[in-house]
Structure formats: C-alpha cells, structure tokens
Amino acid sequence: MGQGRSLQNSLKHSLASGRHLQAPKMRGNTTMRGEYDFSKGVRGKFYRKGAELRLPIYLDTKLQEQVERLARKNGKEIGEIVNQLVQKEVELFEKFS
C-alpha cells in the first residue's frame, strides 16, 4: 500500500505544518453586497433534527477509475470500497502517529 503511506505522510505533514485544505474556487459573481434583506427569511427552514452531515469526497480521475474497477471486480458499491480504504488508512495513521 505504497500510495496509502504517501497519503498518510501527506496528511501528517499538512497537520504538522498547520496547512489546511483549500475550498474549491467559486464560479460567477463572488462579490458580496454591503447589506442583505433577511426580513422574509424563515428561521430553521431547512433544519432537520438528527440529520447527519454527509461530506462529498472528490477523487482524482485516475484514482476514481481504479476504485470503480475494484468495486466492479468485488461486486461492491464504490462508497463501500472507499470507506474500507479510508478506514485502513486511518488505522495505519493512528498506529504510526
């Protein structure tokens, strides 16, 4: 799992150096107005008690193709394969840190 070790080292370096992952660039008009009118806003409109935050994870094209092949080969969903890979990386990271 050479790539896994690389990911682990990269994560460790990022955390140690205080660097943070950058948010994706925004498209379109990114300037903000001086004021916004929230007088017709509804507090809690989209709040759902007990809702879980599901993080979208974007893989590089080549890596996604590899994961898709693994999933097809093993008759599993892509998300299941990704979860297994990430779980193993976390275990290794915790073991060696």
N, C-alpha and C. Protein backbone atom coordinates (compact mmCIF):
# COMPACT_ATOMS: atom_id res chain seq x y z
N MET A 1 0.85 -1.18 0.00
CA MET A 1 0.00 0.00 0.00
C MET A 1 0.89 1.23 0.00
N GLY A 2 1.72 1.37 -1.05
CA GLY A 2 2.64 2.49 -1.16
C GLY A 2 1.93 3.82 -1.23
N GLN A 3 0.84 3.88 -1.99
CA GLN A 3 0.11 5.13 -2.09
C GLN A 3 -0.50 5.50 -0.75
N GLY A 4 -0.94 4.52 0.01
CA GLY A 4 -1.52 4.78 1.33
C GLY A 4 -0.51 5.44 2.26
N ARG A 5 0.72 4.96 2.18
CA ARG A 5 1.78 5.51 3.01
C ARG A 5 2.02 6.98 2.61
N SER A 6 1.97 7.23 1.29
CA SER A 6 2.15 8.58 0.79
C SER A 6 1.04 9.50 1.30
N LEU A 7 -0.20 9.01 1.27
CA LEU A 7 -1.33 9.78 1.78
C LEU A 7 -1.15 10.06 3.27
N GLN A 8 -0.73 9.03 4.00
CA GLN A 8 -0.52 9.19 5.43
C GLN A 8 0.56 10.24 5.70
N ASN A 9 1.67 10.18 4.97
CA ASN A 9 2.74 11.16 5.16
C ASN A 9 2.28 12.56 4.79
N SER A 10 1.49 12.65 3.72
CA SER A 10 0.98 13.94 3.28
C SER A 10 0.06 14.54 4.34
N LEU A 11 -0.84 13.72 4.88
CA LEU A 11 -1.75 14.19 5.93
C LEU A 11 -0.97 14.62 7.16
N LYS A 12 -0.01 13.82 7.56
CA LYS A 12 0.78 14.13 8.75
C LYS A 12 1.53 15.44 8.54
N HIS A 13 2.11 15.64 7.35
CA HIS A 13 2.85 16.87 7.05
C HIS A 13 1.91 18.07 7.05
N SER A 14 0.73 17.91 6.45
CA SER A 14 -0.23 19.01 6.40
C SER A 14 -0.66 19.42 7.79
N LEU A 15 -0.93 18.44 8.64
CA LEU A 15 -1.37 18.74 10.01
C LEU A 15 -0.24 19.38 10.80
N ALA A 16 0.97 18.85 10.65
CA ALA A 16 2.11 19.37 11.41
C ALA A 16 2.47 20.78 10.98
N SER A 17 2.32 21.08 9.69
CA SER A 17 2.73 22.40 9.21
C SER A 17 1.65 23.45 9.38
N GLY A 18 0.48 23.02 9.83
CA GLY A 18 -0.61 23.97 10.02
C GLY A 18 -1.34 24.32 8.74
N ARG A 19 -0.99 23.67 7.62
CA ARG A 19 -1.68 23.93 6.37
C ARG A 19 -3.07 23.30 6.41
N HIS A 20 -3.98 23.93 5.73
CA HIS A 20 -5.34 23.42 5.67
C HIS A 20 -5.72 23.22 4.21
N LEU A 21 -6.64 22.31 3.98
CA LEU A 21 -7.13 22.10 2.62
C LEU A 21 -7.90 23.33 2.18
N GLN A 22 -7.76 23.70 0.93
CA GLN A 22 -8.44 24.87 0.42
C GLN A 22 -9.80 24.49 -0.14
N ALA A 23 -10.77 25.38 0.05
CA ALA A 23 -12.10 25.19 -0.52
C ALA A 23 -12.01 25.37 -2.03
N PRO A 24 -12.89 24.70 -2.77
CA PRO A 24 -12.87 24.87 -4.22
C PRO A 24 -13.17 26.31 -4.61
N LYS A 25 -12.65 26.72 -5.75
CA LYS A 25 -12.89 28.07 -6.26
C LYS A 25 -14.36 28.23 -6.60
N MET A 26 -14.91 29.42 -6.29
CA MET A 26 -16.30 29.71 -6.60
C MET A 26 -16.42 30.26 -8.01
N ARG A 27 -17.49 29.89 -8.71
CA ARG A 27 -17.75 30.41 -10.05
C ARG A 27 -18.67 31.60 -9.96
N GLY A 28 -18.65 32.41 -11.00
CA GLY A 28 -19.61 33.51 -11.10
C GLY A 28 -19.22 34.68 -10.23
N ASN A 29 -20.23 35.47 -9.88
CA ASN A 29 -20.04 36.68 -9.10
C ASN A 29 -19.78 36.31 -7.64
N THR A 30 -18.60 36.60 -7.15
CA THR A 30 -18.25 36.24 -5.77
C THR A 30 -18.18 37.45 -4.86
N THR A 31 -18.58 38.62 -5.36
CA THR A 31 -18.55 39.80 -4.51
C THR A 31 -19.80 39.83 -3.64
N MET A 32 -19.67 40.39 -2.47
CA MET A 32 -20.81 40.48 -1.55
C MET A 32 -21.33 41.90 -1.51
N ARG A 33 -22.61 42.02 -1.35
CA ARG A 33 -23.22 43.34 -1.18
C ARG A 33 -22.93 43.86 0.23
N GLY A 34 -23.14 45.15 0.41
CA GLY A 34 -22.95 45.75 1.73
C GLY A 34 -23.98 45.26 2.72
N GLU A 35 -25.22 45.03 2.27
CA GLU A 35 -26.31 44.57 3.13
C GLU A 35 -27.20 43.58 2.37
N TYR A 36 -27.84 42.70 3.14
CA TYR A 36 -28.80 41.74 2.57
C TYR A 36 -30.10 41.87 3.35
N ASP A 37 -31.21 41.68 2.68
CA ASP A 37 -32.53 41.78 3.31
C ASP A 37 -33.00 40.38 3.71
N PHE A 38 -32.99 40.09 5.00
CA PHE A 38 -33.45 38.80 5.51
C PHE A 38 -34.82 38.93 6.18
N SER A 39 -35.53 40.02 5.91
CA SER A 39 -36.81 40.26 6.58
C SER A 39 -37.85 39.19 6.25
N LYS A 40 -37.71 38.53 5.11
CA LYS A 40 -38.67 37.48 4.74
C LYS A 40 -38.08 36.08 4.94
N GLY A 41 -36.94 36.03 5.61
CA GLY A 41 -36.31 34.75 5.87
C GLY A 41 -37.07 33.94 6.91
N VAL A 42 -36.92 32.63 6.84
CA VAL A 42 -37.60 31.73 7.78
C VAL A 42 -36.53 30.99 8.58
N ARG A 43 -36.50 31.23 9.87
CA ARG A 43 -35.51 30.56 10.73
C ARG A 43 -35.79 29.06 10.78
N GLY A 44 -34.74 28.28 10.56
CA GLY A 44 -34.84 26.83 10.67
C GLY A 44 -35.56 26.15 9.52
N LYS A 45 -35.73 26.82 8.41
CA LYS A 45 -36.49 26.27 7.28
C LYS A 45 -35.94 24.92 6.83
N PHE A 46 -34.63 24.76 6.82
CA PHE A 46 -34.03 23.52 6.34
C PHE A 46 -33.47 22.65 7.47
N TYR A 47 -33.72 23.03 8.70
CA TYR A 47 -33.24 22.27 9.85
C TYR A 47 -33.99 20.95 9.94
N ARG A 48 -33.27 19.87 10.12
CA ARG A 48 -33.87 18.55 10.33
C ARG A 48 -33.19 17.93 11.54
N LYS A 49 -33.94 17.75 12.62
CA LYS A 49 -33.38 17.18 13.85
C LYS A 49 -32.83 15.79 13.55
N GLY A 50 -31.62 15.56 14.00
CA GLY A 50 -30.98 14.25 13.83
C GLY A 50 -30.36 14.03 12.46
N ALA A 51 -30.43 15.01 11.58
CA ALA A 51 -29.83 14.86 10.25
C ALA A 51 -28.32 14.74 10.38
N GLU A 52 -27.72 13.91 9.55
CA GLU A 52 -26.28 13.72 9.57
C GLU A 52 -25.65 14.46 8.39
N LEU A 53 -24.50 15.04 8.64
CA LEU A 53 -23.75 15.70 7.59
C LEU A 53 -23.00 14.64 6.80
N ARG A 54 -23.20 14.60 5.49
CA ARG A 54 -22.50 13.66 4.62
C ARG A 54 -21.54 14.45 3.76
N LEU A 55 -20.26 14.26 3.96
CA LEU A 55 -19.25 15.01 3.23
C LEU A 55 -19.09 14.46 1.82
N PRO A 56 -19.17 15.33 0.83
CA PRO A 56 -18.86 14.86 -0.53
C PRO A 56 -17.35 14.73 -0.66
N ILE A 57 -16.90 13.67 -1.26
CA ILE A 57 -15.48 13.44 -1.44
C ILE A 57 -15.22 13.30 -2.93
N TYR A 58 -14.30 14.10 -3.45
CA TYR A 58 -13.99 14.10 -4.87
C TYR A 58 -12.63 13.47 -5.08
N LEU A 59 -12.58 12.41 -5.87
CA LEU A 59 -11.33 11.72 -6.15
C LEU A 59 -10.75 12.20 -7.46
N ASP A 60 -9.42 12.12 -7.59
CA ASP A 60 -8.79 12.39 -8.88
C ASP A 60 -9.34 11.38 -9.89
N THR A 61 -9.37 11.77 -11.15
CA THR A 61 -9.95 10.92 -12.20
C THR A 61 -9.32 9.53 -12.23
N LYS A 62 -8.01 9.48 -12.21
CA LYS A 62 -7.31 8.19 -12.28
C LYS A 62 -7.65 7.32 -11.06
N LEU A 63 -7.65 7.92 -9.88
CA LEU A 63 -7.97 7.17 -8.67
C LEU A 63 -9.41 6.69 -8.69
N GLN A 64 -10.33 7.53 -9.15
CA GLN A 64 -11.73 7.13 -9.22
C GLN A 64 -11.89 5.93 -10.16
N GLU A 65 -11.20 5.94 -11.29
CA GLU A 65 -11.27 4.81 -12.21
C GLU A 65 -10.76 3.54 -11.55
N GLN A 66 -9.68 3.66 -10.79
CA GLN A 66 -9.14 2.48 -10.08
C GLN A 66 -10.14 1.95 -9.05
N VAL A 67 -10.76 2.86 -8.31
CA VAL A 67 -11.73 2.45 -7.29
C VAL A 67 -12.96 1.83 -7.95
N GLU A 68 -13.39 2.40 -9.07
CA GLU A 68 -14.54 1.83 -9.79
C GLU A 68 -14.24 0.41 -10.26
N ARG A 69 -13.01 0.19 -10.78
CA ARG A 69 -12.62 -1.16 -11.21
C ARG A 69 -12.63 -2.12 -10.03
N LEU A 70 -12.08 -1.67 -8.89
CA LEU A 70 -12.07 -2.52 -7.69
C LEU A 70 -13.50 -2.88 -7.26
N ALA A 71 -14.37 -1.90 -7.29
CA ALA A 71 -15.76 -2.12 -6.88
C ALA A 71 -16.43 -3.14 -7.81
N ARG A 72 -16.28 -2.95 -9.11
CA ARG A 72 -16.88 -3.91 -10.06
C ARG A 72 -16.32 -5.30 -9.86
N LYS A 73 -15.00 -5.39 -9.72
CA LYS A 73 -14.32 -6.68 -9.56
C LYS A 73 -14.84 -7.42 -8.32
N ASN A 74 -15.12 -6.66 -7.25
CA ASN A 74 -15.56 -7.28 -5.99
C ASN A 74 -17.07 -7.26 -5.79
N GLY A 75 -17.80 -6.75 -6.78
CA GLY A 75 -19.26 -6.72 -6.67
C GLY A 75 -19.77 -5.84 -5.54
N LYS A 76 -19.07 -4.71 -5.33
CA LYS A 76 -19.45 -3.81 -4.24
C LYS A 76 -19.71 -2.42 -4.78
N GLU A 77 -20.34 -1.58 -3.97
CA GLU A 77 -20.56 -0.18 -4.32
C GLU A 77 -19.26 0.59 -4.13
N ILE A 78 -19.09 1.66 -4.90
CA ILE A 78 -17.88 2.47 -4.81
C ILE A 78 -17.71 3.03 -3.40
N GLY A 79 -18.78 3.52 -2.80
CA GLY A 79 -18.72 4.08 -1.46
C GLY A 79 -18.21 3.08 -0.44
N GLU A 80 -18.60 1.81 -0.60
CA GLU A 80 -18.15 0.78 0.33
C GLU A 80 -16.64 0.57 0.21
N ILE A 81 -16.14 0.53 -1.02
CA ILE A 81 -14.70 0.37 -1.24
C ILE A 81 -13.94 1.57 -0.67
N VAL A 82 -14.41 2.78 -0.94
CA VAL A 82 -13.75 3.98 -0.44
C VAL A 82 -13.73 3.96 1.09
N ASN A 83 -14.84 3.60 1.71
CA ASN A 83 -14.89 3.54 3.17
C ASN A 83 -13.89 2.54 3.72
N GLN A 84 -13.77 1.38 3.07
CA GLN A 84 -12.81 0.37 3.53
C GLN A 84 -11.38 0.90 3.42
N LEU A 85 -11.06 1.54 2.28
CA LEU A 85 -9.72 2.07 2.08
C LEU A 85 -9.38 3.16 3.09
N VAL A 86 -10.31 4.08 3.30
CA VAL A 86 -10.08 5.17 4.24
C VAL A 86 -9.95 4.63 5.66
N GLN A 87 -10.79 3.65 6.02
CA GLN A 87 -10.71 3.06 7.35
C GLN A 87 -9.34 2.45 7.61
N LYS A 88 -8.80 1.73 6.62
CA LYS A 88 -7.46 1.14 6.77
C LYS A 88 -6.40 2.22 6.91
N GLU A 89 -6.52 3.31 6.14
CA GLU A 89 -5.56 4.41 6.25
C GLU A 89 -5.62 5.06 7.62
N VAL A 90 -6.81 5.25 8.14
CA VAL A 90 -6.97 5.86 9.47
C VAL A 90 -6.34 4.96 10.52
N GLU A 91 -6.56 3.65 10.41
CA GLU A 91 -5.96 2.71 11.36
C GLU A 91 -4.44 2.79 11.31
N LEU A 92 -3.87 2.84 10.09
CA LEU A 92 -2.41 2.95 9.95
C LEU A 92 -1.91 4.27 10.51
N PHE A 93 -2.63 5.33 10.21
CA PHE A 93 -2.25 6.66 10.68
C PHE A 93 -2.23 6.69 12.21
N GLU A 94 -3.26 6.14 12.82
CA GLU A 94 -3.32 6.11 14.29
C GLU A 94 -2.22 5.23 14.88
N LYS A 95 -1.92 4.13 14.21
CA LYS A 95 -0.91 3.19 14.69
C LYS A 95 0.49 3.83 14.69
N PHE A 96 0.78 4.62 13.64
CA PHE A 96 2.13 5.16 13.48
C PHE A 96 2.28 6.61 13.91
N SER A 97 1.23 7.17 14.51
CA SER A 97 1.39 8.57 14.94
C SER A 97 1.41 8.68 16.44
